[in-house]
């Protein structure tokens, strides 16, 4: 019985560690954010700890370190498209801001090549 309980705990831990992000991130309109410099800058300031955060900004800020370090490893296909669109949009608008964002949330550059592959190819 003790071993069964231990196995169950391990299975639950593994399942939770590989769970995808909540689907609330799927309802964000990336085009509106990217096309509106004021909104884009507000989100940027939020995640860079340089300004206030709205609810979505706080949520992005929570998942951003893992998202960048795993190249969106826990994202579902819809979320992957959204993240790619947002990060590529930030990169197109301002390469220095994009690099500053990456350096803040992945300072050791542990997964930079995989992130660039993901942004280029969706892989």
PDB file of N, CA and C in Angstrom:
ATOM      1  N   UNK A   1       0.827  -1.194   0.000  1.00  0.00           N
ATOM      2  CA  UNK A   1       0.000   0.000   0.000  1.00  0.00           C
ATOM      3  C   UNK A   1       0.868   1.254   0.000  1.00  0.00           C
ATOM      4  N   UNK A   2       1.944   1.207   0.789  1.00  0.00           N
ATOM      5  CA  UNK A   2       2.853   2.338   0.868  1.00  0.00           C
ATOM      6  C   UNK A   2       3.509   2.620  -0.486  1.00  0.00           C
ATOM      7  N   UNK A   3       3.918   1.545  -1.173  1.00  0.00           N
ATOM      8  CA  UNK A   3       4.527   1.687  -2.494  1.00  0.00           C
ATOM      9  C   UNK A   3       3.533   2.210  -3.524  1.00  0.00           C
ATOM     10  N   UNK A   4       2.296   1.780  -3.424  1.00  0.00           N
ATOM     11  CA  UNK A   4       1.260   2.242  -4.334  1.00  0.00           C
ATOM     12  C   UNK A   4       1.034   3.739  -4.165  1.00  0.00           C
ATOM     13  N   UNK A   5       0.985   4.189  -2.937  1.00  0.00           N
ATOM     14  CA  UNK A   5       0.806   5.605  -2.649  1.00  0.00           C
ATOM     15  C   UNK A   5       1.989   6.425  -3.170  1.00  0.00           C
ATOM     16  N   UNK A   6       3.189   5.908  -2.990  1.00  0.00           N
ATOM     17  CA  UNK A   6       4.380   6.579  -3.482  1.00  0.00           C
ATOM     18  C   UNK A   6       4.352   6.684  -5.003  1.00  0.00           C
ATOM     19  N   UNK A   7       3.998   5.608  -5.678  1.00  0.00           N
ATOM     20  CA  UNK A   7       3.902   5.615  -7.143  1.00  0.00           C
ATOM     21  C   UNK A   7       2.857   6.615  -7.624  1.00  0.00           C
ATOM     22  N   UNK A   8       1.738   6.667  -6.936  1.00  0.00           N
ATOM     23  CA  UNK A   8       0.682   7.606  -7.297  1.00  0.00           C
ATOM     24  C   UNK A   8       1.165   9.045  -7.157  1.00  0.00           C
ATOM     25  N   UNK A   9       1.870   9.333  -6.074  1.00  0.00           N
ATOM     26  CA  UNK A   9       2.413  10.683  -5.862  1.00  0.00           C
ATOM     27  C   UNK A   9       3.404  11.063  -6.962  1.00  0.00           C
ATOM     28  N   UNK A  10       4.248  10.112  -7.340  1.00  0.00           N
ATOM     29  CA  UNK A  10       5.227  10.374  -8.397  1.00  0.00           C
ATOM     30  C   UNK A  10       4.511  10.638  -9.722  1.00  0.00           C
ATOM     31  N   UNK A  11       3.507   9.848 -10.053  1.00  0.00           N
ATOM     32  CA  UNK A  11       2.756  10.049 -11.292  1.00  0.00           C
ATOM     33  C   UNK A  11       2.062  11.406 -11.313  1.00  0.00           C
ATOM     34  N   UNK A  12       1.476  11.805 -10.211  1.00  0.00           N
ATOM     35  CA  UNK A  12       0.819  13.108 -10.141  1.00  0.00           C
ATOM     36  C   UNK A  12       1.844  14.220 -10.328  1.00  0.00           C
ATOM     37  N   UNK A  13       2.989  14.089  -9.695  1.00  0.00           N
ATOM     38  CA  UNK A  13       4.038  15.105  -9.827  1.00  0.00           C
ATOM     39  C   UNK A  13       4.507  15.231 -11.273  1.00  0.00           C
ATOM     40  N   UNK A  14       4.698  14.102 -11.935  1.00  0.00           N
ATOM     41  CA  UNK A  14       5.118  14.118 -13.341  1.00  0.00           C
ATOM     42  C   UNK A  14       4.036  14.739 -14.210  1.00  0.00           C
ATOM     43  N   UNK A  15       2.798  14.379 -13.987  1.00  0.00           N
ATOM     44  CA  UNK A  15       1.697  14.931 -14.771  1.00  0.00           C
ATOM     45  C   UNK A  15       1.588  16.437 -14.585  1.00  0.00           C
ATOM     46  N   UNK A  16       1.746  16.902 -13.371  1.00  0.00           N
ATOM     47  CA  UNK A  16       1.649  18.333 -13.117  1.00  0.00           C
ATOM     48  C   UNK A  16       2.825  19.093 -13.703  1.00  0.00           C
ATOM     49  N   UNK A  17       3.987  18.487 -13.709  1.00  0.00           N
ATOM     50  CA  UNK A  17       5.164  19.183 -14.224  1.00  0.00           C
ATOM     51  C   UNK A  17       5.130  19.330 -15.737  1.00  0.00           C
ATOM     52  N   UNK A  18       4.386  18.481 -16.427  1.00  0.00           N
ATOM     53  CA  UNK A  18       4.312  18.567 -17.880  1.00  0.00           C
ATOM     54  C   UNK A  18       3.001  19.170 -18.356  1.00  0.00           C
ATOM     55  N   UNK A  19       2.195  19.665 -17.441  1.00  0.00           N
ATOM     56  CA  UNK A  19       0.909  20.246 -17.814  1.00  0.00           C
ATOM     57  C   UNK A  19       1.122  21.510 -18.638  1.00  0.00           C
ATOM     58  N   UNK A  20       0.162  21.770 -19.505  1.00  0.00           N
ATOM     59  CA  UNK A  20       0.241  22.971 -20.321  1.00  0.00           C
ATOM     60  C   UNK A  20      -0.281  24.163 -19.538  1.00  0.00           C
ATOM     61  N   UNK A  21       0.013  25.341 -20.064  1.00  0.00           N
ATOM     62  CA  UNK A  21      -0.467  26.557 -19.442  1.00  0.00           C
ATOM     63  C   UNK A  21      -1.974  26.656 -19.576  1.00  0.00           C
ATOM     64  N   UNK A  22      -2.570  27.418 -18.692  1.00  0.00           N
ATOM     65  CA  UNK A  22      -4.014  27.652 -18.715  1.00  0.00           C
ATOM     66  C   UNK A  22      -4.390  28.302 -20.040  1.00  0.00           C
ATOM     67  N   UNK A  23      -5.568  28.020 -20.539  1.00  0.00           N
ATOM     68  CA  UNK A  23      -5.972  28.529 -21.849  1.00  0.00           C
ATOM     69  C   UNK A  23      -6.297  30.019 -21.856  1.00  0.00           C
ATOM     70  N   UNK A  24      -6.226  30.710 -20.718  1.00  0.00           N
ATOM     71  CA  UNK A  24      -6.523  32.145 -20.708  1.00  0.00           C
ATOM     72  C   UNK A  24      -5.541  32.919 -21.583  1.00  0.00           C
ATOM     73  N   UNK A  25      -4.373  32.356 -21.817  1.00  0.00           N
ATOM     74  CA  UNK A  25      -3.390  33.044 -22.651  1.00  0.00           C
ATOM     75  C   UNK A  25      -3.735  32.970 -24.135  1.00  0.00           C
ATOM     76  N   UNK A  26      -4.711  32.177 -24.476  1.00  0.00           N
ATOM     77  CA  UNK A  26      -5.082  32.022 -25.872  1.00  0.00           C
ATOM     78  C   UNK A  26      -5.983  33.151 -26.366  1.00  0.00           C
ATOM     79  N   UNK A  27      -6.551  33.926 -25.460  1.00  0.00           N
ATOM     80  CA  UNK A  27      -7.511  34.957 -25.842  1.00  0.00           C
ATOM     81  C   UNK A  27      -6.880  36.332 -26.022  1.00  0.00           C
ATOM     82  N   UNK A  28      -5.577  36.413 -25.978  1.00  0.00           N
ATOM     83  CA  UNK A  28      -4.889  37.679 -26.140  1.00  0.00           C
ATOM     84  C   UNK A  28      -4.763  37.973 -27.633  1.00  0.00           C
ATOM     85  N   UNK A  29      -5.066  39.213 -28.018  1.00  0.00           N
ATOM     86  CA  UNK A  29      -4.947  39.610 -29.417  1.00  0.00           C
ATOM     87  C   UNK A  29      -3.549  40.168 -29.646  1.00  0.00           C
ATOM     88  N   UNK A  30      -2.660  39.334 -30.130  1.00  0.00           N
ATOM     89  CA  UNK A  30      -1.261  39.716 -30.321  1.00  0.00           C
ATOM     90  C   UNK A  30      -1.127  40.857 -31.312  1.00  0.00           C
ATOM     91  N   UNK A  31      -1.950  40.879 -32.352  1.00  0.00           N
ATOM     92  CA  UNK A  31      -1.853  41.935 -33.363  1.00  0.00           C
ATOM     93  C   UNK A  31      -2.114  43.308 -32.768  1.00  0.00           C
ATOM     94  N   UNK A  32      -3.113  43.405 -31.901  1.00  0.00           N
ATOM     95  CA  UNK A  32      -3.431  44.686 -31.259  1.00  0.00           C
ATOM     96  C   UNK A  32      -2.253  45.151 -30.408  1.00  0.00           C
ATOM     97  N   UNK A  33      -1.654  44.237 -29.670  1.00  0.00           N
ATOM     98  CA  UNK A  33      -0.521  44.584 -28.814  1.00  0.00           C
ATOM     99  C   UNK A  33       0.665  45.048 -29.652  1.00  0.00           C
ATOM    100  N   UNK A  34       0.985  44.316 -30.687  1.00  0.00           N
ATOM    101  CA  UNK A  34       2.152  44.625 -31.512  1.00  0.00           C
ATOM    102  C   UNK A  34       1.963  45.923 -32.294  1.00  0.00           C
ATOM    103  N   UNK A  35       0.778  46.155 -32.805  1.00  0.00           N
ATOM    104  CA  UNK A  35       0.533  47.324 -33.654  1.00  0.00           C
ATOM    105  C   UNK A  35       0.357  48.619 -32.865  1.00  0.00           C
ATOM    106  N   UNK A  36       0.102  48.525 -31.578  1.00  0.00           N
ATOM    107  CA  UNK A  36      -0.099  49.717 -30.767  1.00  0.00           C
ATOM    108  C   UNK A  36       1.134  49.918 -29.882  1.00  0.00           C
ATOM    109  N   UNK A  37       1.958  50.888 -30.256  1.00  0.00           N
ATOM    110  CA  UNK A  37       3.218  51.121 -29.548  1.00  0.00           C
ATOM    111  C   UNK A  37       3.002  51.399 -28.064  1.00  0.00           C
ATOM    112  N   UNK A  38       1.936  52.103 -27.730  1.00  0.00           N
ATOM    113  CA  UNK A  38       1.643  52.425 -26.339  1.00  0.00           C
ATOM    114  C   UNK A  38       1.367  51.157 -25.532  1.00  0.00           C
ATOM    115  N   UNK A  39       0.551  50.261 -26.071  1.00  0.00           N
ATOM    116  CA  UNK A  39       0.231  49.006 -25.388  1.00  0.00           C
ATOM    117  C   UNK A  39       1.466  48.116 -25.309  1.00  0.00           C
ATOM    118  N   UNK A  40       2.186  48.014 -26.409  1.00  0.00           N
ATOM    119  CA  UNK A  40       3.391  47.185 -26.439  1.00  0.00           C
ATOM    120  C   UNK A  40       4.414  47.670 -25.404  1.00  0.00           C
ATOM    121  N   UNK A  41       4.596  48.980 -25.339  1.00  0.00           N
ATOM    122  CA  UNK A  41       5.542  49.542 -24.382  1.00  0.00           C
ATOM    123  C   UNK A  41       5.078  49.310 -22.934  1.00  0.00           C
ATOM    124  N   UNK A  42       3.771  49.376 -22.708  1.00  0.00           N
ATOM    125  CA  UNK A  42       3.238  49.128 -21.364  1.00  0.00           C
ATOM    126  C   UNK A  42       3.524  47.689 -20.929  1.00  0.00           C
ATOM    127  N   UNK A  43       3.296  46.724 -21.818  1.00  0.00           N
ATOM    128  CA  UNK A  43       3.602  45.325 -21.491  1.00  0.00           C
ATOM    129  C   UNK A  43       5.107  45.142 -21.290  1.00  0.00           C
ATOM    130  N   UNK A  44       5.880  45.767 -22.143  1.00  0.00           N
ATOM    131  CA  UNK A  44       7.332  45.662 -22.023  1.00  0.00           C
ATOM    132  C   UNK A  44       7.801  46.202 -20.675  1.00  0.00           C
ATOM    133  N   UNK A  45       7.329  47.377 -20.312  1.00  0.00           N
ATOM    134  CA  UNK A  45       7.709  47.964 -19.025  1.00  0.00           C
ATOM    135  C   UNK A  45       7.279  47.074 -17.869  1.00  0.00           C
ATOM    136  N   UNK A  46       6.115  46.474 -17.997  1.00  0.00           N
ATOM    137  CA  UNK A  46       5.619  45.574 -16.957  1.00  0.00           C
ATOM    138  C   UNK A  46       6.566  44.400 -16.762  1.00  0.00           C
ATOM    139  N   UNK A  47       6.854  43.669 -17.827  1.00  0.00           N
ATOM    140  CA  UNK A  47       7.666  42.461 -17.689  1.00  0.00           C
ATOM    141  C   UNK A  47       9.121  42.768 -17.364  1.00  0.00           C
ATOM    142  N   UNK A  48       9.545  44.005 -17.634  1.00  0.00           N
ATOM    143  CA  UNK A  48      10.914  44.409 -17.310  1.00  0.00           C
ATOM    144  C   UNK A  48      11.001  45.091 -15.948  1.00  0.00           C
ATOM    145  N   UNK A  49       9.899  45.095 -15.191  1.00  0.00           N
ATOM    146  CA  UNK A  49       9.850  45.720 -13.863  1.00  0.00           C
ATOM    147  C   UNK A  49      10.127  47.218 -13.915  1.00  0.00           C
ATOM    148  N   UNK A  50       9.644  47.860 -14.957  1.00  0.00           N
ATOM    149  CA  UNK A  50       9.843  49.306 -15.121  1.00  0.00           C
ATOM    150  C   UNK A  50       8.536  50.087 -15.129  1.00  0.00           C
ATOM    151  N   UNK A  51       7.448  49.376 -14.892  1.00  0.00           N
ATOM    152  CA  UNK A  51       6.150  50.033 -14.888  1.00  0.00           C
ATOM    153  C   UNK A  51       5.091  49.123 -14.309  1.00  0.00           C
ATOM    154  N   UNK A  52       3.887  49.660 -14.161  1.00  0.00           N
ATOM    155  CA  UNK A  52       2.808  48.855 -13.591  1.00  0.00           C
ATOM    156  C   UNK A  52       2.361  47.752 -14.555  1.00  0.00           C
ATOM    157  N   UNK A  53       1.718  46.735 -13.990  1.00  0.00           N
ATOM    158  CA  UNK A  53       1.228  45.603 -14.783  1.00  0.00           C
ATOM    159  C   UNK A  53      -0.289  45.495 -14.648  1.00  0.00           C
ATOM    160  N   UNK A  54      -0.953  45.253 -15.768  1.00  0.00           N
ATOM    161  CA  UNK A  54      -2.359  44.877 -15.689  1.00  0.00           C
ATOM    162  C   UNK A  54      -2.419  43.370 -15.444  1.00  0.00           C
ATOM    163  N   UNK A  55      -3.612  42.829 -15.377  1.00  0.00           N
ATOM    164  CA  UNK A  55      -3.778  41.405 -15.059  1.00  0.00           C
ATOM    165  C   UNK A  55      -3.050  40.510 -16.069  1.00  0.00           C
ATOM    166  N   UNK A  56      -3.218  40.789 -17.360  1.00  0.00           N
ATOM    167  CA  UNK A  56      -2.534  39.985 -18.376  1.00  0.00           C
ATOM    168  C   UNK A  56      -1.026  40.115 -18.259  1.00  0.00           C
ATOM    169  N   UNK A  57      -0.559  41.322 -18.000  1.00  0.00           N
ATOM    170  CA  UNK A  57       0.875  41.540 -17.848  1.00  0.00           C
ATOM    171  C   UNK A  57       1.447  40.735 -16.696  1.00  0.00           C
ATOM    172  N   UNK A  58       0.735  40.712 -15.584  1.00  0.00           N
ATOM    173  CA  UNK A  58       1.179  39.923 -14.427  1.00  0.00           C
ATOM    174  C   UNK A  58       1.249  38.446 -14.772  1.00  0.00           C
ATOM    175  N   UNK A  59       0.243  37.970 -15.512  1.00  0.00           N
ATOM    176  CA  UNK A  59       0.238  36.559 -15.903  1.00  0.00           C
ATOM    177  C   UNK A  59       1.388  36.236 -16.851  1.00  0.00           C
ATOM    178  N   UNK A  60       1.625  37.106 -17.830  1.00  0.00           N
ATOM    179  CA  UNK A  60       2.746  36.889 -18.752  1.00  0.00           C
ATOM    180  C   UNK A  60       4.060  36.867 -17.988  1.00  0.00           C
ATOM    181  N   UNK A  61       4.187  37.785 -17.061  1.00  0.00           N
ATOM    182  CA  UNK A  61       5.414  37.910 -16.288  1.00  0.00           C
ATOM    183  C   UNK A  61       5.707  36.638 -15.486  1.00  0.00           C
ATOM    184  N   UNK A  62       4.648  35.973 -15.024  1.00  0.00           N
ATOM    185  CA  UNK A  62       4.819  34.733 -14.259  1.00  0.00           C
ATOM    186  C   UNK A  62       5.349  33.596 -15.121  1.00  0.00           C
ATOM    187  N   UNK A  63       4.858  33.501 -16.349  1.00  0.00           N
ATOM    188  CA  UNK A  63       5.227  32.363 -17.196  1.00  0.00           C
ATOM    189  C   UNK A  63       6.386  32.657 -18.147  1.00  0.00           C
ATOM    190  N   UNK A  64       6.756  33.920 -18.264  1.00  0.00           N
ATOM    191  CA  UNK A  64       7.793  34.296 -19.225  1.00  0.00           C
ATOM    192  C   UNK A  64       9.135  33.605 -18.999  1.00  0.00           C
ATOM    193  N   UNK A  65       9.643  33.520 -17.771  1.00  0.00           N
ATOM    194  CA  UNK A  65      10.942  32.844 -17.603  1.00  0.00           C
ATOM    195  C   UNK A  65      10.943  31.408 -18.125  1.00  0.00           C
ATOM    196  N   UNK A  66       9.925  30.659 -17.765  1.00  0.00           N
ATOM    197  CA  UNK A  66       9.860  29.264 -18.230  1.00  0.00           C
ATOM    198  C   UNK A  66       9.606  29.198 -19.731  1.00  0.00           C
ATOM    199  N   UNK A  67       8.750  30.068 -20.224  1.00  0.00           N
ATOM    200  CA  UNK A  67       8.434  30.075 -21.654  1.00  0.00           C
ATOM    201  C   UNK A  67       9.689  30.324 -22.480  1.00  0.00           C
ATOM    202  N   UNK A  68      10.498  31.283 -22.064  1.00  0.00           N
ATOM    203  CA  UNK A  68      11.724  31.577 -22.801  1.00  0.00           C
ATOM    204  C   UNK A  68      12.772  30.488 -22.624  1.00  0.00           C
ATOM    205  N   UNK A  69      12.901  29.979 -21.411  1.00  0.00           N
ATOM    206  CA  UNK A  69      13.957  28.993 -21.163  1.00  0.00           C
ATOM    207  C   UNK A  69      13.644  27.620 -21.740  1.00  0.00           C
ATOM    208  N   UNK A  70      12.368  27.351 -22.033  1.00  0.00           N
ATOM    209  CA  UNK A  70      12.001  26.058 -22.620  1.00  0.00           C
ATOM    210  C   UNK A  70      11.533  26.188 -24.066  1.00  0.00           C
ATOM    211  N   UNK A  71      11.655  27.378 -24.633  1.00  0.00           N
ATOM    212  CA  UNK A  71      11.164  27.642 -25.992  1.00  0.00           C
ATOM    213  C   UNK A  71       9.693  27.232 -26.118  1.00  0.00           C
ATOM    214  N   UNK A  72       8.919  27.653 -25.123  1.00  0.00           N
ATOM    215  CA  UNK A  72       7.473  27.414 -25.089  1.00  0.00           C
ATOM    216  C   UNK A  72       7.150  25.924 -25.003  1.00  0.00           C
ATOM    217  N   UNK A  73       7.946  25.218 -24.230  1.00  0.00           N
ATOM    218  CA  UNK A  73       7.808  23.765 -24.122  1.00  0.00           C
ATOM    219  C   UNK A  73       6.468  23.290 -23.593  1.00  0.00           C
ATOM    220  N   UNK A  74       5.834  24.050 -22.705  1.00  0.00           N
ATOM    221  CA  UNK A  74       4.540  23.643 -22.148  1.00  0.00           C
ATOM    222  C   UNK A  74       3.362  24.286 -22.879  1.00  0.00           C
ATOM    223  N   UNK A  75       3.641  25.028 -23.914  1.00  0.00           N
ATOM    224  CA  UNK A  75       2.576  25.704 -24.648  1.00  0.00           C
ATOM    225  C   UNK A  75       1.841  24.725 -25.567  1.00  0.00           C
ATOM    226  N   UNK A  76       0.535  24.941 -25.700  1.00  0.00           N
ATOM    227  CA  UNK A  76      -0.211  24.177 -26.700  1.00  0.00           C
ATOM    228  C   UNK A  76      -0.015  24.874 -28.047  1.00  0.00           C
ATOM    229  N   UNK A  77      -0.493  24.297 -29.147  1.00  0.00           N
ATOM    230  CA  UNK A  77      -0.257  24.897 -30.473  1.00  0.00           C
ATOM    231  C   UNK A  77      -0.761  26.338 -30.612  1.00  0.00           C
ATOM    232  N   UNK A  78      -1.910  26.651 -30.043  1.00  0.00           N
ATOM    233  CA  UNK A  78      -2.442  28.016 -30.126  1.00  0.00           C
ATOM    234  C   UNK A  78      -1.535  28.974 -29.366  1.00  0.00           C
ATOM    235  N   UNK A  79      -1.102  28.573 -28.195  1.00  0.00           N
ATOM    236  CA  UNK A  79      -0.225  29.415 -27.391  1.00  0.00           C
ATOM    237  C   UNK A  79       1.129  29.602 -28.073  1.00  0.00           C
ATOM    238  N   UNK A  80       1.629  28.565 -28.731  1.00  0.00           N
ATOM    239  CA  UNK A  80       2.891  28.689 -29.448  1.00  0.00           C
ATOM    240  C   UNK A  80       2.795  29.749 -30.540  1.00  0.00           C
ATOM    241  N   UNK A  81       1.701  29.748 -31.270  1.00  0.00           N
ATOM    242  CA  UNK A  81       1.511  30.769 -32.308  1.00  0.00           C
ATOM    243  C   UNK A  81       1.478  32.163 -31.696  1.00  0.00           C
ATOM    244  N   UNK A  82       0.772  32.305 -30.596  1.00  0.00           N
ATOM    245  CA  UNK A  82       0.659  33.583 -29.913  1.00  0.00           C
ATOM    246  C   UNK A  82       2.019  34.068 -29.415  1.00  0.00           C
ATOM    247  N   UNK A  83       2.756  33.201 -28.753  1.00  0.00           N
ATOM    248  CA  UNK A  83       4.073  33.570 -28.220  1.00  0.00           C
ATOM    249  C   UNK A  83       5.022  33.929 -29.352  1.00  0.00           C
ATOM    250  N   UNK A  84       5.020  33.142 -30.411  1.00  0.00           N
ATOM    251  CA  UNK A  84       5.886  33.448 -31.564  1.00  0.00           C
ATOM    252  C   UNK A  84       5.539  34.804 -32.152  1.00  0.00           C
ATOM    253  N   UNK A  85       4.250  35.060 -32.306  1.00  0.00           N
ATOM    254  CA  UNK A  85       3.819  36.334 -32.886  1.00  0.00           C
ATOM    255  C   UNK A  85       4.233  37.506 -32.004  1.00  0.00           C
ATOM    256  N   UNK A  86       4.032  37.381 -30.697  1.00  0.00           N
ATOM    257  CA  UNK A  86       4.390  38.461 -29.781  1.00  0.00           C
ATOM    258  C   UNK A  86       5.905  38.695 -29.746  1.00  0.00           C
ATOM    259  N   UNK A  87       6.671  37.628 -29.578  1.00  0.00           N
ATOM    260  CA  UNK A  87       8.125  37.798 -29.492  1.00  0.00           C
ATOM    261  C   UNK A  87       8.724  38.275 -30.808  1.00  0.00           C
ATOM    262  N   UNK A  88       8.253  37.747 -31.916  1.00  0.00           N
ATOM    263  CA  UNK A  88       8.748  38.223 -33.210  1.00  0.00           C
ATOM    264  C   UNK A  88       8.324  39.668 -33.468  1.00  0.00           C
ATOM    265  N   UNK A  89       7.134  40.036 -32.993  1.00  0.00           N
ATOM    266  CA  UNK A  89       6.671  41.420 -33.128  1.00  0.00           C
ATOM    267  C   UNK A  89       7.530  42.377 -32.319  1.00  0.00           C
ATOM    268  N   UNK A  90       7.845  41.989 -31.089  1.00  0.00           N
ATOM    269  CA  UNK A  90       8.727  42.812 -30.252  1.00  0.00           C
ATOM    270  C   UNK A  90      10.094  42.931 -30.913  1.00  0.00           C
ATOM    271  N   UNK A  91      10.567  41.820 -31.431  1.00  0.00           N
ATOM    272  CA  UNK A  91      11.885  41.802 -32.086  1.00  0.00           C
ATOM    273  C   UNK A  91      11.901  42.710 -33.309  1.00  0.00           C
ATOM    274  N   UNK A  92      10.838  42.668 -34.105  1.00  0.00           N
ATOM    275  CA  UNK A  92      10.762  43.507 -35.305  1.00  0.00           C
ATOM    276  C   UNK A  92      10.675  44.992 -34.956  1.00  0.00           C
ATOM    277  N   UNK A  93       9.989  45.314 -33.875  1.00  0.00           N
ATOM    278  CA  UNK A  93       9.838  46.714 -33.459  1.00  0.00           C
ATOM    279  C   UNK A  93      11.111  47.259 -32.838  1.00  0.00           C
ATOM    280  N   UNK A  94      11.795  46.431 -32.051  1.00  0.00           N
ATOM    281  CA  UNK A  94      12.991  46.909 -31.353  1.00  0.00           C
ATOM    282  C   UNK A  94      13.870  45.727 -30.959  1.00  0.00           C
ATOM    283  N   UNK A  95      14.882  45.477 -31.740  1.00  0.00           N
ATOM    284  CA  UNK A  95      15.828  44.395 -31.442  1.00  0.00           C
ATOM    285  C   UNK A  95      16.505  44.607 -30.079  1.00  0.00           C
ATOM    286  N   UNK A  96      16.900  45.839 -29.719  1.00  0.00           N
ATOM    287  CA  UNK A  96      17.507  46.019 -28.389  1.00  0.00           C
ATOM    288  C   UNK A  96      16.557  45.645 -27.247  1.00  0.00           C
ATOM    289  N   UNK A  97      15.283  46.012 -27.349  1.00  0.00           N
ATOM    290  CA  UNK A  97      14.327  45.633 -26.298  1.00  0.00           C
ATOM    291  C   UNK A  97      14.149  44.119 -26.240  1.00  0.00           C
ATOM    292  N   UNK A  98      14.088  43.510 -27.408  1.00  0.00           N
ATOM    293  CA  UNK A  98      13.942  42.058 -27.482  1.00  0.00           C
ATOM    294  C   UNK A  98      15.118  41.372 -26.788  1.00  0.00           C
ATOM    295  N   UNK A  99      16.320  41.808 -27.096  1.00  0.00           N
ATOM    296  CA  UNK A  99      17.508  41.203 -26.487  1.00  0.00           C
ATOM    297  C   UNK A  99      17.568  41.474 -24.990  1.00  0.00           C
ATOM    298  N   UNK A 100      17.143  42.650 -24.582  1.00  0.00           N
ATOM    299  CA  UNK A 100      17.108  42.973 -23.157  1.00  0.00           C
ATOM    300  C   UNK A 100      16.117  42.060 -22.419  1.00  0.00           C
ATOM    301  N   UNK A 101      14.992  41.797 -23.063  1.00  0.00           N
ATOM    302  CA  UNK A 101      13.995  40.886 -22.496  1.00  0.00           C
ATOM    303  C   UNK A 101      14.579  39.481 -22.335  1.00  0.00           C
ATOM    304  N   UNK A 102      15.233  38.995 -23.374  1.00  0.00           N
ATOM    305  CA  UNK A 102      15.843  37.667 -23.307  1.00  0.00           C
ATOM    306  C   UNK A 102      16.915  37.609 -22.227  1.00  0.00           C
ATOM    307  N   UNK A 103      17.725  38.646 -22.152  1.00  0.00           N
ATOM    308  CA  UNK A 103      18.794  38.660 -21.154  1.00  0.00           C
ATOM    309  C   UNK A 103      18.249  38.696 -19.730  1.00  0.00           C
ATOM    310  N   UNK A 104      17.125  39.367 -19.533  1.00  0.00           N
ATOM    311  CA  UNK A 104      16.532  39.417 -18.192  1.00  0.00           C
ATOM    312  C   UNK A 104      16.001  38.052 -17.766  1.00  0.00           C
ATOM    313  N   UNK A 105      15.308  37.377 -18.674  1.00  0.00           N
ATOM    314  CA  UNK A 105      14.634  36.136 -18.313  1.00  0.00           C
ATOM    315  C   UNK A 105      15.413  34.873 -18.657  1.00  0.00           C
ATOM    316  N   UNK A 106      16.483  35.001 -19.391  1.00  0.00           N
ATOM    317  CA  UNK A 106      17.367  33.868 -19.673  1.00  0.00           C
ATOM    318  C   UNK A 106      18.806  34.381 -19.660  1.00  0.00           C
ATOM    319  N   UNK A 107      19.261  34.880 -18.503  1.00  0.00           N
ATOM    320  CA  UNK A 107      20.577  35.523 -18.443  1.00  0.00           C
ATOM    321  C   UNK A 107      21.748  34.596 -18.760  1.00  0.00           C
ATOM    322  N   UNK A 108      21.581  33.325 -18.511  1.00  0.00           N
ATOM    323  CA  UNK A 108      22.671  32.375 -18.784  1.00  0.00           C
ATOM    324  C   UNK A 108      22.642  31.872 -20.218  1.00  0.00           C
ATOM    325  N   UNK A 109      21.608  32.284 -20.958  1.00  0.00           N
ATOM    326  CA  UNK A 109      21.450  31.888 -22.366  1.00  0.00           C
ATOM    327  C   UNK A 109      21.461  30.370 -22.528  1.00  0.00           C
ATOM    328  N   UNK A 110      20.835  29.701 -21.579  1.00  0.00           N
ATOM    329  CA  UNK A 110      20.850  28.242 -21.562  1.00  0.00           C
ATOM    330  C   UNK A 110      20.110  27.620 -22.735  1.00  0.00           C
ATOM    331  N   UNK A 111      19.127  28.322 -23.245  1.00  0.00           N
ATOM    332  CA  UNK A 111      18.299  27.726 -24.295  1.00  0.00           C
ATOM    333  C   UNK A 111      18.101  28.694 -25.463  1.00  0.00           C
ATOM    334  N   UNK A 112      19.038  29.580 -25.663  1.00  0.00           N
ATOM    335  CA  UNK A 112      18.864  30.630 -26.671  1.00  0.00           C
ATOM    336  C   UNK A 112      18.731  30.062 -28.079  1.00  0.00           C
ATOM    337  N   UNK A 113      19.535  29.064 -28.429  1.00  0.00           N
ATOM    338  CA  UNK A 113      19.447  28.487 -29.773  1.00  0.00           C
ATOM    339  C   UNK A 113      18.083  27.848 -30.015  1.00  0.00           C
ATOM    340  N   UNK A 114      17.577  27.112 -29.032  1.00  0.00           N
ATOM    341  CA  UNK A 114      16.258  26.489 -29.175  1.00  0.00           C
ATOM    342  C   UNK A 114      15.170  27.548 -29.274  1.00  0.00           C
ATOM    343  N   UNK A 115      15.320  28.635 -28.540  1.00  0.00           N
ATOM    344  CA  UNK A 115      14.338  29.716 -28.613  1.00  0.00           C
ATOM    345  C   UNK A 115      14.337  30.343 -30.001  1.00  0.00           C
ATOM    346  N   UNK A 116      15.514  30.598 -30.550  1.00  0.00           N
ATOM    347  CA  UNK A 116      15.580  31.167 -31.897  1.00  0.00           C
ATOM    348  C   UNK A 116      15.016  30.202 -32.940  1.00  0.00           C
ATOM    349  N   UNK A 117      15.258  28.911 -32.771  1.00  0.00           N
ATOM    350  CA  UNK A 117      14.649  27.918 -33.671  1.00  0.00           C
ATOM    351  C   UNK A 117      13.134  27.974 -33.567  1.00  0.00           C
ATOM    352  N   UNK A 118      12.634  28.041 -32.338  1.00  0.00           N
ATOM    353  CA  UNK A 118      11.203  28.129 -32.125  1.00  0.00           C
ATOM    354  C   UNK A 118      10.622  29.380 -32.777  1.00  0.00           C
ATOM    355  N   UNK A 119      11.290  30.510 -32.620  1.00  0.00           N
ATOM    356  CA  UNK A 119      10.780  31.750 -33.195  1.00  0.00           C
ATOM    357  C   UNK A 119      10.827  31.719 -34.726  1.00  0.00           C
ATOM    358  N   UNK A 120      11.825  31.069 -35.280  1.00  0.00           N
ATOM    359  CA  UNK A 120      11.948  31.003 -36.738  1.00  0.00           C
ATOM    360  C   UNK A 120      11.060  29.937 -37.361  1.00  0.00           C
ATOM    361  N   UNK A 121      11.021  28.775 -36.728  1.00  0.00           N
ATOM    362  CA  UNK A 121      10.386  27.610 -37.357  1.00  0.00           C
ATOM    363  C   UNK A 121       9.172  27.073 -36.612  1.00  0.00           C
ATOM    364  N   UNK A 122       8.930  27.558 -35.423  1.00  0.00           N
ATOM    365  CA  UNK A 122       7.826  27.033 -34.623  1.00  0.00           C
ATOM    366  C   UNK A 122       8.135  25.704 -33.987  1.00  0.00           C
ATOM    367  N   UNK A 123       9.407  25.322 -34.002  1.00  0.00           N
ATOM    368  CA  UNK A 123       9.816  24.019 -33.455  1.00  0.00           C
ATOM    369  C   UNK A 123      10.299  24.184 -32.042  1.00  0.00           C
TER     370      UNK A 123
END
